[in-house]
Amino acid sequence: MANHPPVTDNDPALLWAAVAVVIAPDPDSILLIRRAERVGDPWSGHMALPGGRREPGDEDLRVTVIRETTEEVGFELSPEHLAGRLDDVVPRTPVLPPIAVRPFVFLPPARPSLVLNPEVASAHWVEVSDLLLPGSYHSVRLEVAGLSREVQAYQLGEAIVWGMTERILTGLLDQLRH
């Protein structure tokens, strides 16, 4: 897993967050969560990766992702299972907060038990092979903030993975293919 240059984590205009791309074996699967419905949360109800915003006491974004994952899904990621990180992502629409997200890839030796907090409506282990299936990745039309938009997404049954999470997964899958 190559480490990619960060956008810049000292830009005062950006709020920083970190997410965990947890890939567990047998079969290789990625942990996705569905965020709980919350008024005022622009990502309410979306499929996402566990993680969240950096807090002032966090030494760095690696500490942020470990803390946030523990809070959201109830298990602590081990630094020894950190495989690397992917490209930082920022929203493509100006109506979202000025946030930058750094994805960290973790490879635990087995699927950890999950204990969800109220911020998480559900959690799903999605097989990497399902994400690579022809037809799972395509254009979908969604209503976002009252506007109809066409976006690239992964269709996983009833779940649609789009936005920054789609971009993170696409970057990861591109690396896995090569």
C-alpha atoms as a PDB file:
ATOM      1  CA  MET A   1       0.000   0.000   0.000  1.00  0.00           C
ATOM      2  CA  ALA A   2       1.679   3.181  -1.145  1.00  0.00           C
ATOM      3  CA  ASN A   3       1.599   6.239   1.068  1.00  0.00           C
ATOM      4  CA  HIS A   4       0.336   9.211  -0.886  1.00  0.00           C
ATOM      5  CA  PRO A   5       1.260  12.834  -0.282  1.00  0.00           C
ATOM      6  CA  PRO A   6      -1.303  14.619   1.887  1.00  0.00           C
ATOM      7  CA  VAL A   7      -3.277  17.614   0.596  1.00  0.00           C
ATOM      8  CA  THR A   8      -1.915  19.572   3.588  1.00  0.00           C
ATOM      9  CA  ASP A   9      -3.050  19.155   7.136  1.00  0.00           C
ATOM     10  CA  ASN A  10      -2.016  22.626   8.231  1.00  0.00           C
ATOM     11  CA  ASP A  11      -4.468  24.523   5.989  1.00  0.00           C
ATOM     12  CA  PRO A  12      -6.490  26.575   8.511  1.00  0.00           C
ATOM     13  CA  ALA A  13      -9.430  26.795   6.087  1.00  0.00           C
ATOM     14  CA  LEU A  14      -9.979  23.026   6.227  1.00  0.00           C
ATOM     15  CA  LEU A  15     -11.542  20.884   8.917  1.00  0.00           C
ATOM     16  CA  TRP A  16      -9.699  17.562   8.994  1.00  0.00           C
ATOM     17  CA  ALA A  17     -11.139  14.098   9.421  1.00  0.00           C
ATOM     18  CA  ALA A  18      -9.844  10.570   9.025  1.00  0.00           C
ATOM     19  CA  VAL A  19     -11.573   7.343   8.019  1.00  0.00           C
ATOM     20  CA  ALA A  20     -10.596   3.710   8.363  1.00  0.00           C
ATOM     21  CA  VAL A  21     -10.625   1.383   5.399  1.00  0.00           C
ATOM     22  CA  VAL A  22     -10.686  -1.850   7.401  1.00  0.00           C
ATOM     23  CA  ILE A  23     -10.048  -4.887   5.183  1.00  0.00           C
ATOM     24  CA  ALA A  24     -10.546  -8.187   7.003  1.00  0.00           C
ATOM     25  CA  PRO A  25      -9.853 -11.639   5.509  1.00  0.00           C
ATOM     26  CA  ASP A  26     -11.883 -14.783   4.778  1.00  0.00           C
ATOM     27  CA  PRO A  27     -13.071 -13.484   2.345  1.00  0.00           C
ATOM     28  CA  ASP A  28     -11.427 -10.076   1.979  1.00  0.00           C
ATOM     29  CA  SER A  29     -14.119  -7.598   3.013  1.00  0.00           C
ATOM     30  CA  ILE A  30     -14.300  -3.872   3.760  1.00  0.00           C
ATOM     31  CA  LEU A  31     -16.231  -2.504   6.715  1.00  0.00           C
ATOM     32  CA  LEU A  32     -18.888   0.036   5.715  1.00  0.00           C
ATOM     33  CA  ILE A  33     -21.316   1.754   8.040  1.00  0.00           C
ATOM     34  CA  ARG A  34     -24.653   3.465   7.473  1.00  0.00           C
ATOM     35  CA  ARG A  35     -24.656   6.743   9.358  1.00  0.00           C
ATOM     36  CA  ALA A  36     -27.619   7.377  11.633  1.00  0.00           C
ATOM     37  CA  GLU A  37     -30.249   9.898  10.530  1.00  0.00           C
ATOM     38  CA  ARG A  38     -29.460  13.214  12.257  1.00  0.00           C
ATOM     39  CA  VAL A  39     -30.882  16.674  11.626  1.00  0.00           C
ATOM     40  CA  GLY A  40     -28.210  19.053  10.349  1.00  0.00           C
ATOM     41  CA  ASP A  41     -25.768  16.302   9.348  1.00  0.00           C
ATOM     42  CA  PRO A  42     -25.048  16.620   5.600  1.00  0.00           C
ATOM     43  CA  TRP A  43     -24.007  12.939   5.536  1.00  0.00           C
ATOM     44  CA  SER A  44     -27.018  11.690   7.518  1.00  0.00           C
ATOM     45  CA  GLY A  45     -28.051   8.167   6.500  1.00  0.00           C
ATOM     46  CA  HIS A  46     -25.183   7.755   4.017  1.00  0.00           C
ATOM     47  CA  MET A  47     -23.038   4.674   3.592  1.00  0.00           C
ATOM     48  CA  ALA A  48     -19.562   5.544   4.839  1.00  0.00           C
ATOM     49  CA  LEU A  49     -16.307   4.338   6.316  1.00  0.00           C
ATOM     50  CA  PRO A  50     -15.875   4.574  10.096  1.00  0.00           C
ATOM     51  CA  GLY A  51     -14.094   7.711  11.219  1.00  0.00           C
ATOM     52  CA  GLY A  52     -14.629  11.344  11.997  1.00  0.00           C
ATOM     53  CA  ARG A  53     -13.207  14.776  12.670  1.00  0.00           C
ATOM     54  CA  ARG A  54      -9.899  15.519  14.285  1.00  0.00           C
ATOM     55  CA  GLU A  55     -10.167  16.859  17.819  1.00  0.00           C
ATOM     56  CA  PRO A  56      -7.713  19.334  19.377  1.00  0.00           C
ATOM     57  CA  GLY A  57      -6.214  16.615  21.613  1.00  0.00           C
ATOM     58  CA  ASP A  58      -5.447  14.282  18.680  1.00  0.00           C
ATOM     59  CA  GLU A  59      -1.698  14.139  18.056  1.00  0.00           C
ATOM     60  CA  ASP A  60      -2.268  13.410  14.365  1.00  0.00           C
ATOM     61  CA  LEU A  61      -4.882  11.990  11.977  1.00  0.00           C
ATOM     62  CA  ARG A  62      -3.761   8.417  12.691  1.00  0.00           C
ATOM     63  CA  VAL A  63      -4.780   8.976  16.313  1.00  0.00           C
ATOM     64  CA  THR A  64      -8.053  10.497  15.078  1.00  0.00           C
ATOM     65  CA  VAL A  65      -8.968   7.464  12.975  1.00  0.00           C
ATOM     66  CA  ILE A  66      -8.204   5.012  15.777  1.00  0.00           C
ATOM     67  CA  ARG A  67     -10.227   7.061  18.300  1.00  0.00           C
ATOM     68  CA  GLU A  68     -13.195   7.605  15.977  1.00  0.00           C
ATOM     69  CA  THR A  69     -13.356   3.971  14.867  1.00  0.00           C
ATOM     70  CA  THR A  70     -13.313   2.839  18.495  1.00  0.00           C
ATOM     71  CA  GLU A  71     -16.141   5.276  19.305  1.00  0.00           C
ATOM     72  CA  GLU A  72     -18.302   4.354  16.301  1.00  0.00           C
ATOM     73  CA  VAL A  73     -17.935   0.585  15.966  1.00  0.00           C
ATOM     74  CA  GLY A  74     -16.470  -0.498  19.292  1.00  0.00           C
ATOM     75  CA  PHE A  75     -13.080  -1.914  18.408  1.00  0.00           C
ATOM     76  CA  GLU A  76      -9.648  -0.336  18.589  1.00  0.00           C
ATOM     77  CA  LEU A  77      -7.546  -0.508  15.470  1.00  0.00           C
ATOM     78  CA  SER A  78      -3.984  -1.605  16.118  1.00  0.00           C
ATOM     79  CA  PRO A  79      -1.217   0.618  14.695  1.00  0.00           C
ATOM     80  CA  GLU A  80       0.633  -2.601  13.775  1.00  0.00           C
ATOM     81  CA  HIS A  81      -2.187  -3.393  11.303  1.00  0.00           C
ATOM     82  CA  LEU A  82      -1.853  -0.040   9.523  1.00  0.00           C
ATOM     83  CA  ALA A  83      -0.966  -0.847   5.899  1.00  0.00           C
ATOM     84  CA  GLY A  84      -0.801   2.735   4.624  1.00  0.00           C
ATOM     85  CA  ARG A  85      -3.049   5.516   3.491  1.00  0.00           C
ATOM     86  CA  LEU A  86      -4.857   6.599   0.382  1.00  0.00           C
ATOM     87  CA  ASP A  87      -5.197  10.006  -1.266  1.00  0.00           C
ATOM     88  CA  ASP A  88      -6.864  12.721   0.800  1.00  0.00           C
ATOM     89  CA  VAL A  89     -10.325  13.666  -0.480  1.00  0.00           C
ATOM     90  CA  VAL A  90     -12.374  16.852  -0.252  1.00  0.00           C
ATOM     91  CA  PRO A  91     -16.029  17.402  -1.170  1.00  0.00           C
ATOM     92  CA  ARG A  92     -16.753  18.380  -4.755  1.00  0.00           C
ATOM     93  CA  THR A  93     -19.629  20.665  -3.828  1.00  0.00           C
ATOM     94  CA  PRO A  94     -19.369  24.063  -2.119  1.00  0.00           C
ATOM     95  CA  VAL A  95     -22.490  23.480   0.017  1.00  0.00           C
ATOM     96  CA  LEU A  96     -20.633  21.005   2.243  1.00  0.00           C
ATOM     97  CA  PRO A  97     -18.299  22.085   5.046  1.00  0.00           C
ATOM     98  CA  PRO A  98     -14.658  22.778   4.034  1.00  0.00           C
ATOM     99  CA  ILE A  99     -13.455  19.356   5.129  1.00  0.00           C
ATOM    100  CA  ALA A 100     -10.594  17.119   4.039  1.00  0.00           C
ATOM    101  CA  VAL A 101     -10.606  13.398   4.759  1.00  0.00           C
ATOM    102  CA  ARG A 102      -7.527  11.197   5.066  1.00  0.00           C
ATOM    103  CA  PRO A 103      -8.223   7.453   4.556  1.00  0.00           C
ATOM    104  CA  PHE A 104      -6.040   4.977   6.453  1.00  0.00           C
ATOM    105  CA  VAL A 105      -5.988   1.302   5.429  1.00  0.00           C
ATOM    106  CA  PHE A 106      -5.904  -1.313   8.196  1.00  0.00           C
ATOM    107  CA  LEU A 107      -5.494  -5.068   7.700  1.00  0.00           C
ATOM    108  CA  PRO A 108      -6.548  -6.839  10.901  1.00  0.00           C
ATOM    109  CA  PRO A 109      -5.929 -10.609  10.970  1.00  0.00           C
ATOM    110  CA  ALA A 110      -9.665 -11.337  11.481  1.00  0.00           C
ATOM    111  CA  ARG A 111     -13.030  -9.576  11.493  1.00  0.00           C
ATOM    112  CA  PRO A 112     -13.375  -7.791  14.814  1.00  0.00           C
ATOM    113  CA  SER A 113     -16.618  -7.863  16.774  1.00  0.00           C
ATOM    114  CA  LEU A 114     -18.632  -4.677  16.356  1.00  0.00           C
ATOM    115  CA  VAL A 115     -20.506  -2.660  18.959  1.00  0.00           C
ATOM    116  CA  LEU A 116     -22.217   0.289  17.252  1.00  0.00           C
ATOM    117  CA  ASN A 117     -22.761   3.634  18.934  1.00  0.00           C
ATOM    118  CA  PRO A 118     -25.848   5.800  18.232  1.00  0.00           C
ATOM    119  CA  GLU A 119     -24.063   7.641  15.385  1.00  0.00           C
ATOM    120  CA  VAL A 120     -24.110   4.396  13.363  1.00  0.00           C
ATOM    121  CA  ALA A 121     -27.381   2.873  12.139  1.00  0.00           C
ATOM    122  CA  SER A 122     -25.784  -0.326  10.791  1.00  0.00           C
ATOM    123  CA  ALA A 123     -22.486  -1.913   9.773  1.00  0.00           C
ATOM    124  CA  HIS A 124     -21.748  -4.204   6.831  1.00  0.00           C
ATOM    125  CA  TRP A 125     -18.762  -6.253   5.712  1.00  0.00           C
ATOM    126  CA  VAL A 126     -18.703  -5.874   1.917  1.00  0.00           C
ATOM    127  CA  GLU A 127     -16.641  -8.389  -0.012  1.00  0.00           C
ATOM    128  CA  VAL A 128     -14.000  -6.780  -2.213  1.00  0.00           C
ATOM    129  CA  SER A 129     -15.041  -9.195  -4.988  1.00  0.00           C
ATOM    130  CA  ASP A 130     -18.608  -7.755  -4.852  1.00  0.00           C
ATOM    131  CA  LEU A 131     -17.247  -4.243  -5.374  1.00  0.00           C
ATOM    132  CA  LEU A 132     -15.308  -5.502  -8.409  1.00  0.00           C
ATOM    133  CA  LEU A 133     -18.311  -7.199 -10.046  1.00  0.00           C
ATOM    134  CA  PRO A 134     -19.342  -5.758 -13.423  1.00  0.00           C
ATOM    135  CA  GLY A 135     -22.404  -3.651 -12.851  1.00  0.00           C
ATOM    136  CA  SER A 136     -21.788  -2.878  -9.166  1.00  0.00           C
ATOM    137  CA  TYR A 137     -20.202   0.454 -10.130  1.00  0.00           C
ATOM    138  CA  HIS A 138     -22.276   2.740 -12.313  1.00  0.00           C
ATOM    139  CA  SER A 139     -23.987   6.090 -12.583  1.00  0.00           C
ATOM    140  CA  VAL A 140     -27.047   6.689 -10.371  1.00  0.00           C
ATOM    141  CA  ARG A 141     -29.455   9.585 -10.013  1.00  0.00           C
ATOM    142  CA  LEU A 142     -29.901  10.863  -6.459  1.00  0.00           C
ATOM    143  CA  GLU A 143     -31.724  13.748  -4.881  1.00  0.00           C
ATOM    144  CA  VAL A 144     -29.213  15.785  -2.896  1.00  0.00           C
ATOM    145  CA  ALA A 145     -30.291  18.924  -1.030  1.00  0.00           C
ATOM    146  CA  GLY A 146     -33.458  19.054  -3.125  1.00  0.00           C
ATOM    147  CA  LEU A 147     -31.598  18.779  -6.439  1.00  0.00           C
ATOM    148  CA  SER A 148     -31.407  15.780  -8.751  1.00  0.00           C
ATOM    149  CA  ARG A 149     -27.789  14.776  -9.424  1.00  0.00           C
ATOM    150  CA  GLU A 150     -26.153  12.003 -11.379  1.00  0.00           C
ATOM    151  CA  VAL A 151     -23.204  10.498  -9.516  1.00  0.00           C
ATOM    152  CA  GLN A 152     -20.892   7.512  -9.800  1.00  0.00           C
ATOM    153  CA  ALA A 153     -21.696   4.931  -7.146  1.00  0.00           C
ATOM    154  CA  TYR A 154     -21.419   1.365  -5.964  1.00  0.00           C
ATOM    155  CA  GLN A 155     -24.803  -0.354  -5.822  1.00  0.00           C
ATOM    156  CA  LEU A 156     -24.759  -2.947  -3.053  1.00  0.00           C
ATOM    157  CA  GLY A 157     -28.295  -4.297  -2.904  1.00  0.00           C
ATOM    158  CA  GLU A 158     -30.397  -1.429  -1.569  1.00  0.00           C
ATOM    159  CA  ALA A 159     -27.308   0.485  -0.419  1.00  0.00           C
ATOM    160  CA  ILE A 160     -25.710   3.141  -2.584  1.00  0.00           C
ATOM    161  CA  VAL A 161     -22.123   4.162  -1.847  1.00  0.00           C
ATOM    162  CA  TRP A 162     -21.324   7.517  -3.422  1.00  0.00           C
ATOM    163  CA  GLY A 163     -19.519  10.814  -2.787  1.00  0.00           C
ATOM    164  CA  MET A 164     -16.247  10.831  -0.894  1.00  0.00           C
ATOM    165  CA  THR A 165     -16.663   7.193   0.186  1.00  0.00           C
ATOM    166  CA  GLU A 166     -17.070   6.128  -3.463  1.00  0.00           C
ATOM    167  CA  ARG A 167     -13.926   8.065  -4.380  1.00  0.00           C
ATOM    168  CA  ILE A 168     -11.937   6.455  -1.548  1.00  0.00           C
ATOM    169  CA  LEU A 169     -13.104   2.949  -2.509  1.00  0.00           C
ATOM    170  CA  THR A 170     -12.436   3.575  -6.206  1.00  0.00           C
ATOM    171  CA  GLY A 171      -8.887   4.703  -5.412  1.00  0.00           C
ATOM    172  CA  LEU A 172      -8.327   1.604  -3.301  1.00  0.00           C
ATOM    173  CA  LEU A 173      -9.783  -0.774  -5.896  1.00  0.00           C
ATOM    174  CA  ASP A 174      -7.651   0.834  -8.638  1.00  0.00           C
ATOM    175  CA  GLN A 175      -4.568   0.043  -6.521  1.00  0.00           C
ATOM    176  CA  LEU A 176      -5.727  -3.516  -5.891  1.00  0.00           C
ATOM    177  CA  ARG A 177      -6.243  -4.107  -9.617  1.00  0.00           C
ATOM    178  CA  HIS A 178      -2.662  -3.051 -10.397  1.00  0.00           C
END
